[in-house]
C-alpha atoms as a PDB file:
ATOM      1  CA  MET A   1     -27.692  -9.350   0.629  1.00  0.00           C
ATOM      2  CA  VAL A   2     -24.749  -7.119   1.472  1.00  0.00           C
ATOM      3  CA  ALA A   3     -24.247  -4.013  -0.651  1.00  0.00           C
ATOM      4  CA  PRO A   4     -20.917  -3.897  -2.514  1.00  0.00           C
ATOM      5  CA  PRO A   5     -18.432  -1.222  -1.429  1.00  0.00           C
ATOM      6  CA  LEU A   6     -18.837   2.014  -3.400  1.00  0.00           C
ATOM      7  CA  SER A   7     -16.148   4.413  -4.567  1.00  0.00           C
ATOM      8  CA  ARG A   8     -15.943   7.405  -6.929  1.00  0.00           C
ATOM      9  CA  LEU A   9     -14.568   7.570 -10.462  1.00  0.00           C
ATOM     10  CA  LYS A  10     -12.376  10.642 -10.721  1.00  0.00           C
ATOM     11  CA  THR A  11      -9.906  10.289 -13.584  1.00  0.00           C
ATOM     12  CA  ARG A  12     -10.575  10.863 -17.270  1.00  0.00           C
ATOM     13  CA  PRO A  13      -9.300   7.423 -18.408  1.00  0.00           C
ATOM     14  CA  ASP A  14     -11.849   5.751 -16.113  1.00  0.00           C
ATOM     15  CA  PHE A  15     -14.684   7.836 -17.590  1.00  0.00           C
ATOM     16  CA  LEU A  16     -13.517   7.056 -21.135  1.00  0.00           C
ATOM     17  CA  ALA A  17     -13.318   3.334 -20.334  1.00  0.00           C
ATOM     18  CA  ALA A  18     -16.894   3.380 -19.021  1.00  0.00           C
ATOM     19  CA  ALA A  19     -17.996   5.113 -22.231  1.00  0.00           C
ATOM     20  CA  ARG A  20     -16.796   2.051 -24.166  1.00  0.00           C
ATOM     21  CA  GLY A  21     -19.140  -0.165 -22.141  1.00  0.00           C
ATOM     22  CA  VAL A  22     -22.917  -0.464 -22.309  1.00  0.00           C
ATOM     23  CA  THR A  23     -25.057   2.675 -22.382  1.00  0.00           C
ATOM     24  CA  CYS A  24     -28.640   3.413 -21.433  1.00  0.00           C
ATOM     25  CA  ALA A  25     -30.621   6.675 -21.478  1.00  0.00           C
ATOM     26  CA  ARG A  26     -33.806   6.996 -19.461  1.00  0.00           C
ATOM     27  CA  GLY A  27     -35.631  10.292 -18.985  1.00  0.00           C
ATOM     28  CA  ALA A  28     -33.273  12.791 -17.398  1.00  0.00           C
ATOM     29  CA  VAL A  29     -30.406  10.326 -16.873  1.00  0.00           C
ATOM     30  CA  SER A  30     -27.940   8.734 -19.229  1.00  0.00           C
ATOM     31  CA  ALA A  31     -25.864   5.926 -17.737  1.00  0.00           C
ATOM     32  CA  GLN A  32     -22.811   3.990 -18.848  1.00  0.00           C
ATOM     33  CA  ALA A  33     -21.327   0.878 -17.297  1.00  0.00           C
ATOM     34  CA  ARG A  34     -18.471  -1.533 -17.879  1.00  0.00           C
ATOM     35  CA  TRP A  35     -17.132  -4.666 -16.252  1.00  0.00           C
ATOM     36  CA  ARG A  36     -13.600  -4.012 -14.949  1.00  0.00           C
ATOM     37  CA  GLY A  37     -12.588  -7.669 -14.816  1.00  0.00           C
ATOM     38  CA  ASP A  38     -10.197  -7.213 -11.889  1.00  0.00           C
ATOM     39  CA  ASP A  39     -12.089  -9.589  -9.529  1.00  0.00           C
ATOM     40  CA  GLN A  40     -12.626  -6.879  -6.897  1.00  0.00           C
ATOM     41  CA  PRO A  41     -16.190  -6.371  -5.640  1.00  0.00           C
ATOM     42  CA  LEU A  42     -15.692  -2.595  -5.514  1.00  0.00           C
ATOM     43  CA  VAL A  43     -18.219  -0.540  -7.493  1.00  0.00           C
ATOM     44  CA  ARG A  44     -16.964   2.804  -8.772  1.00  0.00           C
ATOM     45  CA  ILE A  45     -19.429   5.530  -9.743  1.00  0.00           C
ATOM     46  CA  GLY A  46     -18.782   8.805 -11.582  1.00  0.00           C
ATOM     47  CA  PHE A  47     -20.988  11.776 -12.394  1.00  0.00           C
ATOM     48  CA  THR A  48     -20.768  14.331 -15.160  1.00  0.00           C
ATOM     49  CA  ALA A  49     -22.785  17.166 -16.652  1.00  0.00           C
ATOM     50  CA  THR A  50     -21.949  19.002 -19.856  1.00  0.00           C
ATOM     51  CA  ARG A  51     -22.253  22.731 -20.432  1.00  0.00           C
ATOM     52  CA  ARG A  52     -25.208  22.015 -22.666  1.00  0.00           C
ATOM     53  CA  ILE A  53     -27.509  21.700 -19.646  1.00  0.00           C
ATOM     54  CA  GLY A  54     -26.547  25.087 -18.208  1.00  0.00           C
ATOM     55  CA  GLY A  55     -24.023  27.118 -16.292  1.00  0.00           C
ATOM     56  CA  ALA A  56     -21.918  25.970 -13.352  1.00  0.00           C
ATOM     57  CA  VAL A  57     -24.706  26.349 -10.798  1.00  0.00           C
ATOM     58  CA  THR A  58     -27.116  24.264 -12.886  1.00  0.00           C
ATOM     59  CA  ARG A  59     -24.506  21.587 -13.607  1.00  0.00           C
ATOM     60  CA  ASN A  60     -23.566  21.334  -9.929  1.00  0.00           C
ATOM     61  CA  ARG A  61     -27.222  21.011  -8.923  1.00  0.00           C
ATOM     62  CA  ALA A  62     -27.723  18.267 -11.497  1.00  0.00           C
ATOM     63  CA  LYS A  63     -24.673  16.351 -10.259  1.00  0.00           C
ATOM     64  CA  ARG A  64     -25.741  16.731  -6.609  1.00  0.00           C
ATOM     65  CA  ARG A  65     -29.134  15.251  -7.479  1.00  0.00           C
ATOM     66  CA  LEU A  66     -27.505  12.366  -9.373  1.00  0.00           C
ATOM     67  CA  ARG A  67     -25.130  11.660  -6.466  1.00  0.00           C
ATOM     68  CA  GLU A  68     -28.001  11.496  -3.983  1.00  0.00           C
ATOM     69  CA  ALA A  69     -30.076   9.256  -6.265  1.00  0.00           C
ATOM     70  CA  ALA A  70     -27.067   6.964  -6.756  1.00  0.00           C
ATOM     71  CA  ARG A  71     -26.437   6.873  -3.006  1.00  0.00           C
ATOM     72  CA  LEU A  72     -29.990   5.611  -2.499  1.00  0.00           C
ATOM     73  CA  LEU A  73     -30.269   3.238  -5.455  1.00  0.00           C
ATOM     74  CA  ALA A  74     -26.792   1.915  -6.214  1.00  0.00           C
ATOM     75  CA  PRO A  75     -26.624  -0.554  -3.305  1.00  0.00           C
ATOM     76  CA  LEU A  76     -29.815  -2.169  -4.624  1.00  0.00           C
ATOM     77  CA  HIS A  77     -29.090  -2.334  -8.363  1.00  0.00           C
ATOM     78  CA  VAL A  78     -25.360  -2.338  -9.158  1.00  0.00           C
ATOM     79  CA  ILE A  79     -23.209  -5.327 -10.054  1.00  0.00           C
ATOM     80  CA  PRO A  80     -20.001  -5.758  -8.017  1.00  0.00           C
ATOM     81  CA  GLY A  81     -16.840  -5.244 -10.046  1.00  0.00           C
ATOM     82  CA  CYS A  82     -18.352  -2.680 -12.428  1.00  0.00           C
ATOM     83  CA  ASP A  83     -17.807   1.019 -13.090  1.00  0.00           C
ATOM     84  CA  TYR A  84     -20.793   3.292 -13.665  1.00  0.00           C
ATOM     85  CA  VAL A  85     -21.011   6.833 -15.045  1.00  0.00           C
ATOM     86  CA  PHE A  86     -24.178   8.910 -14.755  1.00  0.00           C
ATOM     87  CA  ILE A  87     -24.554  11.797 -17.172  1.00  0.00           C
ATOM     88  CA  ALA A  88     -26.982  14.623 -16.419  1.00  0.00           C
ATOM     89  CA  ARG A  89     -29.354  15.387 -19.264  1.00  0.00           C
ATOM     90  CA  GLY A  90     -31.424  18.505 -19.913  1.00  0.00           C
ATOM     91  CA  GLY A  91     -34.182  17.753 -17.418  1.00  0.00           C
ATOM     92  CA  THR A  92     -32.021  16.559 -14.529  1.00  0.00           C
ATOM     93  CA  PRO A  93     -31.859  19.807 -12.492  1.00  0.00           C
ATOM     94  CA  ASN A  94     -35.633  20.395 -12.467  1.00  0.00           C
ATOM     95  CA  ARG A  95     -37.106  16.897 -12.807  1.00  0.00           C
ATOM     96  CA  PRO A  96     -39.415  15.865  -9.946  1.00  0.00           C
ATOM     97  CA  TRP A  97     -37.485  13.760  -7.451  1.00  0.00           C
ATOM     98  CA  GLY A  98     -39.682  10.692  -7.821  1.00  0.00           C
ATOM     99  CA  SER A  99     -39.321  10.771 -11.598  1.00  0.00           C
ATOM    100  CA  LEU A 100     -35.548  11.132 -11.348  1.00  0.00           C
ATOM    101  CA  LEU A 101     -35.393   8.112  -9.030  1.00  0.00           C
ATOM    102  CA  ALA A 102     -37.584   6.119 -11.434  1.00  0.00           C
ATOM    103  CA  ASP A 103     -35.329   7.108 -14.369  1.00  0.00           C
ATOM    104  CA  MET A 104     -32.209   6.032 -12.510  1.00  0.00           C
ATOM    105  CA  THR A 105     -33.785   2.765 -11.335  1.00  0.00           C
ATOM    106  CA  SER A 106     -34.821   1.957 -14.885  1.00  0.00           C
ATOM    107  CA  ALA A 107     -31.350   2.783 -16.237  1.00  0.00           C
ATOM    108  CA  LEU A 108     -29.593   0.687 -13.571  1.00  0.00           C
ATOM    109  CA  THR A 109     -31.894  -2.270 -14.178  1.00  0.00           C
ATOM    110  CA  ARG A 110     -31.281  -2.127 -17.924  1.00  0.00           C
ATOM    111  CA  LEU A 111     -27.512  -1.764 -17.484  1.00  0.00           C
ATOM    112  CA  ALA A 112     -27.467  -4.772 -15.147  1.00  0.00           C
ATOM    113  CA  ALA A 113     -29.291  -6.887 -17.732  1.00  0.00           C
ATOM    114  CA  ASP A 114     -26.987  -5.727 -20.533  1.00  0.00           C
ATOM    115  CA  LEU A 115     -23.853  -6.318 -18.436  1.00  0.00           C
ATOM    116  CA  ARG A 116     -24.989  -9.817 -17.487  1.00  0.00           C
ATOM    117  CA  ALA A 117     -25.709 -10.605 -21.138  1.00  0.00           C
ATOM    118  CA  THR A 118     -22.272  -9.304 -22.131  1.00  0.00           C
ATOM    119  CA  LEU A 119     -20.590 -11.362 -19.416  1.00  0.00           C
ATOM    120  CA  GLU A 120     -22.411 -14.519 -20.518  1.00  0.00           C
ATOM    121  CA  GLU A 121     -21.321 -13.951 -24.126  1.00  0.00           C
ATOM    122  CA  THR A 122     -17.662 -13.527 -23.197  1.00  0.00           C
ATOM    123  CA  SER A 123     -17.369 -16.300 -20.603  1.00  0.00           C
ATOM    124  CA  PRO A 124     -16.733 -19.797 -21.900  1.00  0.00           C
ATOM    125  CA  SER A 125     -19.765 -22.031 -22.042  1.00  0.00           C
ATOM    126  CA  PRO A 126     -19.776 -25.415 -20.310  1.00  0.00           C
ATOM    127  CA  LEU A 127     -19.820 -27.049 -23.746  1.00  0.00           C
ATOM    128  CA  SER A 128     -16.456 -25.533 -24.682  1.00  0.00           C
ATOM    129  CA  ARG A 129     -14.673 -26.959 -21.640  1.00  0.00           C
ATOM    130  CA  PRO A 130     -12.328 -29.879 -22.221  1.00  0.00           C
ATOM    131  CA  THR A 131     -13.759 -33.248 -21.301  1.00  0.00           C
ATOM    132  CA  THR A 132     -10.506 -34.566 -19.893  1.00  0.00           C
ATOM    133  CA  ALA A 133      -8.231 -33.140 -17.239  1.00  0.00           C
ATOM    134  CA  ASP A 134      -5.103 -34.235 -19.099  1.00  0.00           C
ATOM    135  CA  PRO A 135      -5.240 -34.679 -22.889  1.00  0.00           C
ATOM    136  CA  ALA A 136      -2.354 -37.143 -22.681  1.00  0.00           C
ATOM    137  CA  ARG A 137      -4.348 -39.335 -20.252  1.00  0.00           C
ATOM    138  CA  PRO A 138      -7.907 -39.811 -21.518  1.00  0.00           C
ATOM    139  CA  ASP A 139      -8.580 -42.198 -18.639  1.00  0.00           C
ATOM    140  CA  LYS A 140      -8.660 -39.142 -16.296  1.00  0.00           C
ATOM    141  CA  ALA A 141     -11.927 -37.746 -17.682  1.00  0.00           C
ATOM    142  CA  LEU A 142     -13.724 -34.967 -15.807  1.00  0.00           C
ATOM    143  CA  SER A 143     -17.231 -35.620 -14.654  1.00  0.00           C
ATOM    144  CA  ALA A 144     -19.999 -33.756 -16.463  1.00  0.00           C
ATOM    145  CA  PRO A 145     -21.098 -30.548 -14.708  1.00  0.00           C
END
Protein backbone atom coordinates (compact mmCIF):
# COMPACT_ATOMS: atom_id res chain seq x y z
CA MET A 1 0.00 0.00 0.00
CA VAL A 2 1.41 3.36 -1.04
CA ALA A 3 1.15 6.21 1.45
CA PRO A 4 -0.87 9.20 0.22
CA PRO A 5 1.04 12.44 -0.38
CA LEU A 6 1.12 14.67 2.71
CA SER A 7 0.96 18.45 2.90
CA ARG A 8 0.50 21.07 5.64
CA LEU A 9 -2.60 23.07 6.52
CA LYS A 10 -1.57 26.68 6.99
CA THR A 11 -4.54 28.99 6.54
CA ARG A 12 -7.24 29.78 9.08
CA PRO A 13 -10.18 28.85 6.79
CA ASP A 14 -8.72 25.35 6.39
CA PHE A 15 -8.44 24.93 10.18
CA LEU A 16 -12.01 26.19 10.66
CA ALA A 17 -13.29 23.80 7.98
CA ALA A 18 -11.61 20.87 9.73
CA ALA A 19 -13.24 21.94 13.00
CA ARG A 20 -16.64 21.39 11.36
CA GLY A 21 -15.72 17.77 10.64
CA VAL A 22 -15.43 14.84 13.03
CA THR A 23 -13.53 15.25 16.30
CA CYS A 24 -11.79 12.83 18.63
CA ALA A 25 -9.83 13.43 21.84
CA ARG A 26 -7.47 10.78 23.16
CA GLY A 27 -5.08 11.38 26.04
CA ALA A 28 -2.81 14.29 25.18
CA VAL A 29 -4.10 14.73 21.61
CA SER A 30 -7.29 16.13 20.20
CA ALA A 31 -7.81 15.53 16.49
CA GLN A 32 -10.22 16.84 13.89
CA ALA A 33 -10.76 15.60 10.36
CA ARG A 34 -12.95 16.33 7.36
CA TRP A 35 -13.41 14.95 3.88
CA ARG A 36 -12.53 17.64 1.31
CA GLY A 37 -14.47 16.05 -1.54
CA ASP A 38 -12.14 17.37 -4.25
CA ASP A 39 -11.10 13.90 -5.52
CA GLN A 40 -7.40 14.54 -4.86
CA PRO A 41 -5.52 11.92 -2.82
CA LEU A 42 -3.53 14.62 -1.02
CA VAL A 43 -3.74 14.55 2.79
CA ARG A 44 -3.28 17.89 4.52
CA ILE A 45 -2.30 18.03 8.19
CA GLY A 46 -2.25 21.02 10.55
CA PHE A 47 -1.05 21.46 14.12
CA THR A 48 -2.08 23.92 16.78
CA ALA A 49 -1.55 24.58 20.47
CA THR A 50 -3.43 27.15 22.53
CA ARG A 51 -1.93 29.41 25.17
CA ARG A 52 -3.72 27.34 27.77
CA ILE A 53 -0.99 24.69 27.65
CA GLY A 54 1.83 27.17 28.29
CA GLY A 55 4.10 29.83 26.89
CA ALA A 56 5.65 29.92 23.43
CA VAL A 57 8.43 27.46 24.26
CA THR A 58 5.97 24.90 25.64
CA ARG A 59 3.57 25.33 22.71
CA ASN A 60 6.38 24.94 20.18
CA ARG A 61 7.63 21.79 21.91
CA ALA A 62 4.12 20.34 21.88
CA LYS A 63 3.69 21.08 18.17
CA ARG A 64 7.13 19.62 17.34
CA ARG A 65 6.16 16.40 19.13
CA LEU A 66 2.82 16.27 17.29
CA ARG A 67 4.52 16.85 13.93
CA GLU A 68 6.97 14.01 14.53
CA ALA A 69 4.22 11.64 15.68
CA ALA A 70 2.15 12.55 12.61
CA ARG A 71 5.16 12.02 10.34
CA LEU A 72 5.48 8.48 11.70
CA LEU A 73 1.81 7.52 11.93
CA ALA A 74 -0.06 9.45 9.24
CA PRO A 75 1.08 7.29 6.30
CA LEU A 76 -0.37 4.26 8.09
CA HIS A 77 -3.71 5.62 9.31
CA VAL A 78 -4.96 8.57 7.24
CA ILE A 79 -7.60 8.50 4.52
CA PRO A 80 -6.61 10.09 1.18
CA GLY A 81 -8.54 13.25 0.37
CA CYS A 82 -8.98 14.34 4.00
CA ASP A 83 -7.70 17.23 6.11
CA TYR A 84 -6.54 16.60 9.67
CA VAL A 85 -5.83 19.00 12.53
CA PHE A 86 -4.02 17.90 15.68
CA ILE A 87 -4.50 20.04 18.76
CA ALA A 88 -2.02 19.83 21.64
CA ARG A 89 -3.65 19.28 25.01
CA GLY A 90 -2.26 19.87 28.49
CA GLY A 91 -0.12 16.74 28.67
CA THR A 92 1.36 16.86 25.17
CA PRO A 93 4.73 18.51 25.97
CA ASN A 94 5.64 16.09 28.79
CA ARG A 95 3.77 12.89 27.88
CA PRO A 96 6.00 9.83 27.43
CA TRP A 97 6.71 9.31 23.74
CA GLY A 98 5.15 5.85 23.58
CA SER A 99 1.96 7.11 25.20
CA LEU A 100 1.77 10.06 22.81
CA LEU A 101 2.13 7.70 19.84
CA ALA A 102 -0.59 5.43 21.28
CA ASP A 103 -2.89 8.45 21.78
CA MET A 104 -2.37 9.61 18.21
CA THR A 105 -2.83 6.10 16.78
CA SER A 106 -6.07 5.72 18.70
CA ALA A 107 -7.32 9.14 17.55
CA LEU A 108 -6.44 8.45 13.89
CA THR A 109 -8.13 5.05 13.98
CA ARG A 110 -11.30 6.53 15.46
CA LEU A 111 -11.33 9.42 12.98
CA ALA A 112 -10.93 6.99 10.08
CA ALA A 113 -13.91 4.96 11.29
CA ASP A 114 -16.03 8.09 11.80
CA LEU A 115 -15.06 9.50 8.39
CA ARG A 116 -15.90 6.23 6.64
CA ALA A 117 -19.26 6.12 8.41
CA THR A 118 -19.96 9.72 7.39
CA LEU A 119 -19.01 8.99 3.78
CA GLU A 120 -21.28 5.94 3.67
CA GLU A 121 -24.19 8.00 5.02
CA THR A 122 -23.76 10.73 2.41
CA SER A 123 -23.06 8.56 -0.64
CA PRO A 124 -26.07 7.16 -2.46
CA SER A 125 -26.87 3.56 -1.70
CA PRO A 126 -27.17 0.99 -4.49
CA LEU A 127 -30.90 0.79 -3.76
CA SER A 128 -31.42 4.46 -4.64
CA ARG A 129 -29.88 4.12 -8.10
CA PRO A 130 -32.25 4.16 -11.06
CA THR A 131 -33.00 0.76 -12.52
CA THR A 132 -33.00 1.98 -16.10
CA ALA A 133 -30.39 3.89 -18.04
CA ASP A 134 -33.01 5.97 -19.84
CA PRO A 135 -36.40 6.54 -18.19
CA ALA A 136 -37.95 7.07 -21.62
CA ARG A 137 -36.74 3.62 -22.75
CA PRO A 138 -37.49 1.01 -20.08
CA ASP A 139 -36.20 -1.70 -22.40
CA LYS A 140 -32.64 -0.43 -21.70
CA ALA A 141 -32.57 -1.62 -18.08
CA LEU A 142 -29.27 -1.67 -16.18
CA SER A 143 -28.10 -4.95 -14.81
CA ALA A 144 -28.22 -5.37 -11.04
CA PRO A 145 -24.91 -4.60 -9.29
